[in-house]
N, C-alpha and C. Protein backbone atom coordinates (compact mmCIF):
# COMPACT_ATOMS: atom_id res chain seq x y z
N UNK A 1 1.15 -0.87 0.17
CA UNK A 1 -0.04 -0.12 -0.18
C UNK A 1 0.46 0.91 0.09
N UNK A 2 0.76 2.47 -1.06
CA UNK A 2 1.83 3.69 -1.07
C UNK A 2 1.12 4.23 0.59
N UNK A 3 1.94 5.30 1.09
CA UNK A 3 2.31 6.35 1.74
C UNK A 3 1.05 7.00 1.61
N UNK A 4 0.59 8.07 2.06
CA UNK A 4 0.22 9.40 1.63
C UNK A 4 0.39 10.10 2.02
N UNK A 5 0.64 11.05 0.80
CA UNK A 5 1.90 11.98 1.35
C UNK A 5 0.69 13.45 1.82
N UNK A 6 0.86 13.67 2.78
CA UNK A 6 0.52 14.60 2.99
C UNK A 6 1.25 16.46 3.22
N UNK A 7 0.28 17.36 2.51
CA UNK A 7 0.63 18.25 1.91
C UNK A 7 0.30 19.66 2.75
N UNK A 8 1.74 20.31 3.15
CA UNK A 8 1.44 21.35 4.41
C UNK A 8 1.08 22.45 3.04
N UNK A 9 0.81 23.40 3.91
CA UNK A 9 0.02 25.17 3.17
C UNK A 9 1.41 25.37 2.26
N UNK A 10 2.32 25.31 2.85
CA UNK A 10 3.32 25.96 2.82
C UNK A 10 4.56 25.23 1.78
N UNK A 11 3.74 23.95 1.54
CA UNK A 11 4.46 23.57 -0.17
C UNK A 11 3.74 23.30 -1.25
N UNK A 12 2.24 23.59 -0.54
CA UNK A 12 1.54 23.76 -2.33
C UNK A 12 1.27 25.33 -2.66
N UNK A 13 1.50 25.93 -1.67
CA UNK A 13 1.77 27.37 -1.84
C UNK A 13 3.67 28.03 -2.91
N UNK A 14 4.38 26.63 -2.41
CA UNK A 14 5.37 27.13 -2.65
C UNK A 14 5.54 26.58 -4.41
N UNK A 15 4.75 25.60 -4.38
CA UNK A 15 4.47 24.84 -6.19
C UNK A 15 3.63 25.66 -7.24
N UNK A 16 2.44 26.54 -6.14
CA UNK A 16 2.09 26.99 -7.18
C UNK A 16 2.53 28.03 -6.54
N UNK A 17 3.32 28.80 -6.25
CA UNK A 17 4.00 29.72 -6.74
C UNK A 17 5.28 29.53 -8.11
N UNK A 18 5.40 28.41 -7.48
CA UNK A 18 6.50 28.01 -9.04
C UNK A 18 5.96 27.89 -9.82
N UNK A 19 4.46 27.59 -10.22
CA UNK A 19 3.91 27.42 -11.61
C UNK A 19 3.86 29.16 -12.19
N UNK A 20 3.35 30.15 -11.48
CA UNK A 20 2.74 31.55 -11.01
C UNK A 20 3.45 32.35 -12.17
N UNK A 21 5.27 32.04 -11.07
CA UNK A 21 6.10 32.68 -12.03
C UNK A 21 7.06 32.03 -13.48
N UNK A 22 6.39 30.64 -13.13
CA UNK A 22 6.11 29.86 -14.84
C UNK A 22 7.78 29.69 -15.14
N UNK A 23 8.44 29.03 -13.65
CA UNK A 23 9.36 28.86 -13.54
C UNK A 23 9.17 27.04 -14.40
N UNK A 24 8.15 26.13 -13.72
CA UNK A 24 7.98 25.25 -13.62
C UNK A 24 5.57 25.36 -14.24
N UNK A 25 5.63 24.41 -14.79
CA UNK A 25 4.08 23.76 -14.89
C UNK A 25 3.62 22.58 -14.09
N UNK A 26 1.69 22.88 -14.63
CA UNK A 26 1.97 22.28 -14.33
C UNK A 26 1.51 21.01 -13.29
N UNK A 27 1.72 20.02 -15.28
CA UNK A 27 1.76 18.60 -15.68
C UNK A 27 3.53 18.64 -15.08
N UNK A 28 4.47 19.01 -15.08
CA UNK A 28 5.90 18.67 -14.67
C UNK A 28 6.09 18.60 -13.22
N UNK A 29 4.97 19.59 -12.35
CA UNK A 29 5.15 19.57 -10.57
C UNK A 29 4.66 18.41 -10.99
N UNK A 30 2.71 18.42 -11.70
CA UNK A 30 2.21 17.11 -11.43
C UNK A 30 2.62 15.38 -11.19
N UNK A 31 3.78 15.39 -12.53
CA UNK A 31 4.47 14.28 -12.57
C UNK A 31 5.43 14.11 -11.66
N UNK A 32 6.74 15.41 -11.23
CA UNK A 32 7.26 15.17 -10.13
C UNK A 32 7.47 14.54 -8.50
N UNK A 33 6.11 14.78 -8.69
CA UNK A 33 5.39 14.69 -7.26
C UNK A 33 4.00 13.47 -7.69
N UNK A 34 3.82 12.96 -8.47
CA UNK A 34 3.54 11.65 -8.81
C UNK A 34 1.47 12.09 -8.24
N UNK A 35 1.39 12.89 -8.35
CA UNK A 35 0.03 13.77 -8.51
C UNK A 35 -1.08 13.98 -9.51
N UNK A 36 -1.95 14.15 -9.46
CA UNK A 36 -2.29 14.93 -10.62
C UNK A 36 -2.76 16.34 -10.89
N UNK A 37 -2.89 16.63 -11.72
CA UNK A 37 -2.67 17.31 -12.63
C UNK A 37 -4.22 17.73 -12.23
N UNK A 38 -5.42 17.60 -12.05
CA UNK A 38 -6.59 18.69 -11.90
C UNK A 38 -5.97 18.77 -10.32
N UNK A 39 -5.06 18.01 -9.78
CA UNK A 39 -5.16 18.79 -7.81
C UNK A 39 -4.25 20.02 -7.94
N UNK A 40 -3.17 19.51 -8.49
CA UNK A 40 -2.85 20.82 -9.02
C UNK A 40 -3.55 21.90 -9.28
N UNK A 41 -3.79 21.36 -10.39
CA UNK A 41 -4.91 23.29 -11.35
C UNK A 41 -5.84 23.52 -9.63
N UNK A 42 -6.25 23.27 -8.66
CA UNK A 42 -7.17 23.73 -8.36
C UNK A 42 -6.27 24.18 -6.77
N UNK A 43 -5.42 23.64 -6.19
CA UNK A 43 -4.50 24.37 -5.70
C UNK A 43 -3.99 25.76 -6.28
N UNK A 44 -3.53 25.95 -7.97
CA UNK A 44 -3.62 26.84 -8.27
C UNK A 44 -4.65 28.00 -8.08
N UNK A 45 -5.75 27.50 -8.49
CA UNK A 45 -7.37 28.12 -7.94
C UNK A 45 -7.40 28.84 -7.21
N UNK A 46 -7.17 27.83 -6.43
CA UNK A 46 -7.41 28.16 -4.87
C UNK A 46 -6.86 29.64 -4.68
N UNK A 47 -5.20 29.46 -4.65
CA UNK A 47 -4.44 30.17 -3.76
C UNK A 47 -5.03 31.51 -5.32
N UNK A 48 -5.75 31.89 -6.03
CA UNK A 48 -5.29 33.01 -7.15
C UNK A 48 -7.46 33.48 -6.34
N UNK A 49 -8.28 32.88 -6.33
CA UNK A 49 -8.81 32.99 -5.26
C UNK A 49 -8.99 33.81 -4.30
N UNK A 50 -7.99 32.95 -3.28
CA UNK A 50 -8.04 33.70 -2.14
C UNK A 50 -6.96 35.33 -2.71
N UNK A 51 -6.19 35.28 -2.89
CA UNK A 51 -5.07 36.85 -3.92
C UNK A 51 -6.41 37.22 -3.39
N UNK A 52 -7.19 37.06 -4.72
CA UNK A 52 -8.57 38.07 -5.00
C UNK A 52 -8.92 38.59 -3.72
N UNK A 53 -9.25 37.83 -3.54
CA UNK A 53 -10.38 37.96 -1.60
C UNK A 53 -9.22 39.26 -0.91
N UNK A 54 -8.01 38.92 -1.03
CA UNK A 54 -6.94 39.87 -0.32
C UNK A 54 -7.91 41.46 -0.47
N UNK A 55 -7.09 41.28 -1.93
CA UNK A 55 -7.16 42.27 -2.44
C UNK A 55 -8.62 43.72 -2.51
N UNK A 56 -9.50 42.79 -2.52
CA UNK A 56 -11.06 43.72 -1.85
C UNK A 56 -10.72 44.54 -1.11
N UNK A 57 -12.38 45.43 -1.28
CA UNK A 57 -12.09 45.90 0.20
C UNK A 57 -13.03 45.96 0.31
N UNK A 58 -12.47 45.80 2.49
CA UNK A 58 -13.45 44.78 3.38
C UNK A 58 -15.12 45.53 3.41
N UNK A 59 -15.72 45.45 3.73
CA UNK A 59 -17.03 46.22 3.82
C UNK A 59 -16.61 47.25 5.12
N UNK A 60 -16.23 46.69 6.37
CA UNK A 60 -15.45 47.24 7.15
C UNK A 60 -14.33 49.25 7.40
N UNK A 61 -13.93 48.55 5.99
CA UNK A 61 -13.34 49.88 5.76
C UNK A 61 -13.21 50.55 4.63
N UNK A 62 -14.76 50.09 4.23
CA UNK A 62 -15.26 51.41 3.27
C UNK A 62 -16.40 52.13 4.05
N UNK A 63 -16.30 51.25 5.21
CA UNK A 63 -17.68 51.83 6.20
C UNK A 63 -17.54 52.47 6.95
N UNK A 64 -16.02 52.96 7.54
CA UNK A 64 -15.37 53.32 7.64
C UNK A 64 -14.61 54.85 7.51
N UNK A 65 -14.26 54.77 5.57
CA UNK A 65 -13.76 55.62 4.97
C UNK A 65 -14.93 56.94 4.47
N UNK A 66 -16.02 56.03 4.98
CA UNK A 66 -17.57 57.19 4.25
C UNK A 66 -17.59 57.40 5.91
N UNK A 67 -17.76 56.69 6.85
CA UNK A 67 -17.74 57.61 7.83
C UNK A 67 -17.24 58.70 7.39
N UNK A 68 -15.73 58.44 7.64
CA UNK A 68 -14.62 60.32 7.57
C UNK A 68 -14.99 61.10 6.55
N UNK A 69 -15.05 60.84 4.86
CA UNK A 69 -16.04 61.42 4.19
C UNK A 69 -17.53 62.62 4.63
N UNK A 70 -18.05 61.51 5.41
CA UNK A 70 -19.02 62.45 6.57
C UNK A 70 -18.80 62.85 7.44
N UNK A 71 -17.65 63.14 7.78
CA UNK A 71 -16.93 63.82 9.21
C UNK A 71 -16.69 64.82 8.64
N UNK A 72 -16.03 64.76 7.05
CA UNK A 72 -15.32 66.75 6.91
C UNK A 72 -15.88 66.70 6.41
N UNK A 73 -16.76 66.51 5.29
CA UNK A 73 -18.37 67.66 4.66
C UNK A 73 -18.38 68.11 5.36
N UNK A 74 -19.46 67.62 6.34
CA UNK A 74 -19.82 67.93 8.05
C UNK A 74 -19.14 69.51 8.24
N UNK A 75 -17.99 68.44 8.79
CA UNK A 75 -16.68 69.84 9.55
C UNK A 75 -16.45 70.77 8.39
N UNK A 76 -16.55 70.87 7.28
CA UNK A 76 -16.90 71.96 6.18
C UNK A 76 -18.35 73.24 5.94
N UNK A 77 -18.77 72.83 6.07
CA UNK A 77 -20.56 73.22 5.88
C UNK A 77 -20.53 73.99 7.43
N UNK A 78 -20.19 73.47 8.85
CA UNK A 78 -20.39 74.00 9.74
C UNK A 78 -19.86 75.29 10.26
N UNK A 79 -18.58 75.37 9.57
CA UNK A 79 -17.57 76.58 9.98
C UNK A 79 -18.31 78.27 9.51
């Protein structure tokens, strides 16, 4: 019975970054690590989606910015 290898988030990220930096391909990484290409591609997709989410403005940040702008406008009008 083959030993199941557990991939850490760090190792997955290293592999994904190799692919994104084009120093390796999904196929190459899959072959080197005895993984299905679909599994490696899923790591890439998850990584990219997570990165996209981190770049979005957080609702609480947007509300705080809006409230600050309202406060500044009110202070300008009351002078």
